[in-house]
Amino acid sequence: MTSRELLAQAALGVPALTALLVLVVPRRATTAVAFAGALLTGGLALALTGFALHAPGARLVGDWLVVDAAGALLVGVIGIVGAASVLVSP
């Protein structure tokens, strides 16, 4: 497993883990967990985008995951918009 593949899997797994944590933590900790998950998810999305755009010709092809430059750019935009929406929501 390469670092790019691990990064791509983390970019998928961290939001799912954050959603589960928000469901099980006490109500007073929900906002903090959501903020931390949003920042981590946004950072992972940006890192994945940076890796993919650094070498746009080198597609990452895993067993169940394919990351190319166009897909990584989309992931980056979604990560930024998602993190910003969590951080500015009341």
Protein backbone atom coordinates (compact mmCIF):
# COMPACT_ATOMS: atom_id res chain seq x y z
CA MET A 1 0.00 0.00 0.00
CA THR A 2 1.45 3.34 -1.05
CA SER A 3 1.13 6.60 0.82
CA ARG A 4 -1.18 7.93 -1.92
CA GLU A 5 -3.46 4.93 -1.54
CA LEU A 6 -3.47 5.29 2.25
CA LEU A 7 -4.26 8.99 1.87
CA ALA A 8 -7.13 8.24 -0.50
CA GLN A 9 -8.56 5.65 1.89
CA ALA A 10 -8.24 8.08 4.79
CA ALA A 11 -10.05 10.75 2.76
CA LEU A 12 -12.96 8.31 2.55
CA GLY A 13 -12.76 6.85 6.04
CA VAL A 14 -12.36 9.98 8.17
CA PRO A 15 -15.72 11.53 7.19
CA ALA A 16 -17.47 8.22 7.84
CA LEU A 17 -15.78 7.88 11.22
CA THR A 18 -16.67 11.49 12.06
CA ALA A 19 -20.32 10.83 11.25
CA LEU A 20 -20.34 7.80 13.55
CA LEU A 21 -18.61 9.71 16.33
CA VAL A 22 -21.11 12.56 16.10
CA LEU A 23 -23.86 10.01 16.64
CA VAL A 24 -22.35 8.47 19.76
CA VAL A 25 -20.62 11.32 21.62
CA PRO A 26 -22.51 13.31 24.24
CA ARG A 27 -24.45 16.27 22.88
CA ARG A 28 -22.09 18.85 24.37
CA ALA A 29 -19.15 17.33 22.45
CA THR A 30 -20.90 17.11 19.08
CA THR A 31 -19.75 20.50 17.83
CA ALA A 32 -16.11 19.89 18.74
CA VAL A 33 -16.11 16.47 17.06
CA ALA A 34 -17.76 17.91 13.94
CA PHE A 35 -15.22 20.76 13.75
CA ALA A 36 -12.27 18.41 14.21
CA GLY A 37 -13.62 15.98 11.63
CA ALA A 38 -14.29 18.79 9.14
CA LEU A 39 -10.78 20.19 9.48
CA LEU A 40 -9.18 16.76 9.19
CA THR A 41 -11.34 15.81 6.22
CA GLY A 42 -10.63 19.11 4.44
CA GLY A 43 -6.90 18.71 5.05
CA LEU A 44 -6.90 15.15 3.73
CA ALA A 45 -8.87 16.22 0.66
CA LEU A 46 -6.38 19.01 -0.06
CA ALA A 47 -3.42 16.70 0.46
CA LEU A 48 -4.89 14.12 -1.91
CA THR A 49 -5.53 16.85 -4.48
CA GLY A 50 -1.95 18.07 -4.14
CA PHE A 51 -0.53 14.59 -4.65
CA ALA A 52 -2.69 13.95 -7.70
CA LEU A 53 -2.00 17.32 -9.31
CA HIS A 54 1.73 17.00 -8.64
CA ALA A 55 1.87 14.03 -11.03
CA PRO A 56 -1.32 14.25 -13.12
CA GLY A 57 -0.28 11.46 -15.47
CA ALA A 58 0.18 8.91 -12.68
CA ARG A 59 -3.23 7.50 -11.81
CA LEU A 60 -3.57 5.62 -8.57
CA VAL A 61 -5.34 2.33 -9.23
CA GLY A 62 -6.11 0.21 -6.18
CA ASP A 63 -8.30 -2.80 -5.64
CA TRP A 64 -11.45 -0.70 -5.16
CA LEU A 65 -10.21 2.86 -5.60
CA VAL A 66 -9.02 4.89 -8.59
CA VAL A 67 -7.68 8.42 -8.17
CA ASP A 68 -6.81 10.58 -11.16
CA ALA A 69 -6.20 14.32 -11.40
CA ALA A 70 -9.79 15.23 -12.29
CA GLY A 71 -11.26 13.10 -9.51
CA ALA A 72 -8.80 14.42 -6.97
CA LEU A 73 -9.62 18.00 -7.95
CA LEU A 74 -13.29 17.24 -7.35
CA VAL A 75 -12.46 15.69 -3.97
CA GLY A 76 -10.49 18.82 -3.05
CA VAL A 77 -13.34 21.17 -3.90
CA ILE A 78 -15.86 19.02 -2.02
CA GLY A 79 -13.52 18.85 0.99
CA ILE A 80 -13.08 22.64 1.10
CA VAL A 81 -16.79 23.37 0.68
CA GLY A 82 -17.74 20.73 3.25
CA ALA A 83 -15.25 21.98 5.83
CA ALA A 84 -16.30 25.59 5.29
CA SER A 85 -19.99 24.73 5.65
CA VAL A 86 -19.36 22.95 8.97
CA LEU A 87 -17.17 25.74 10.32
CA VAL A 88 -19.63 28.56 9.52
CA SER A 89 -22.83 26.77 10.53
CA PRO A 90 -24.31 27.71 13.91
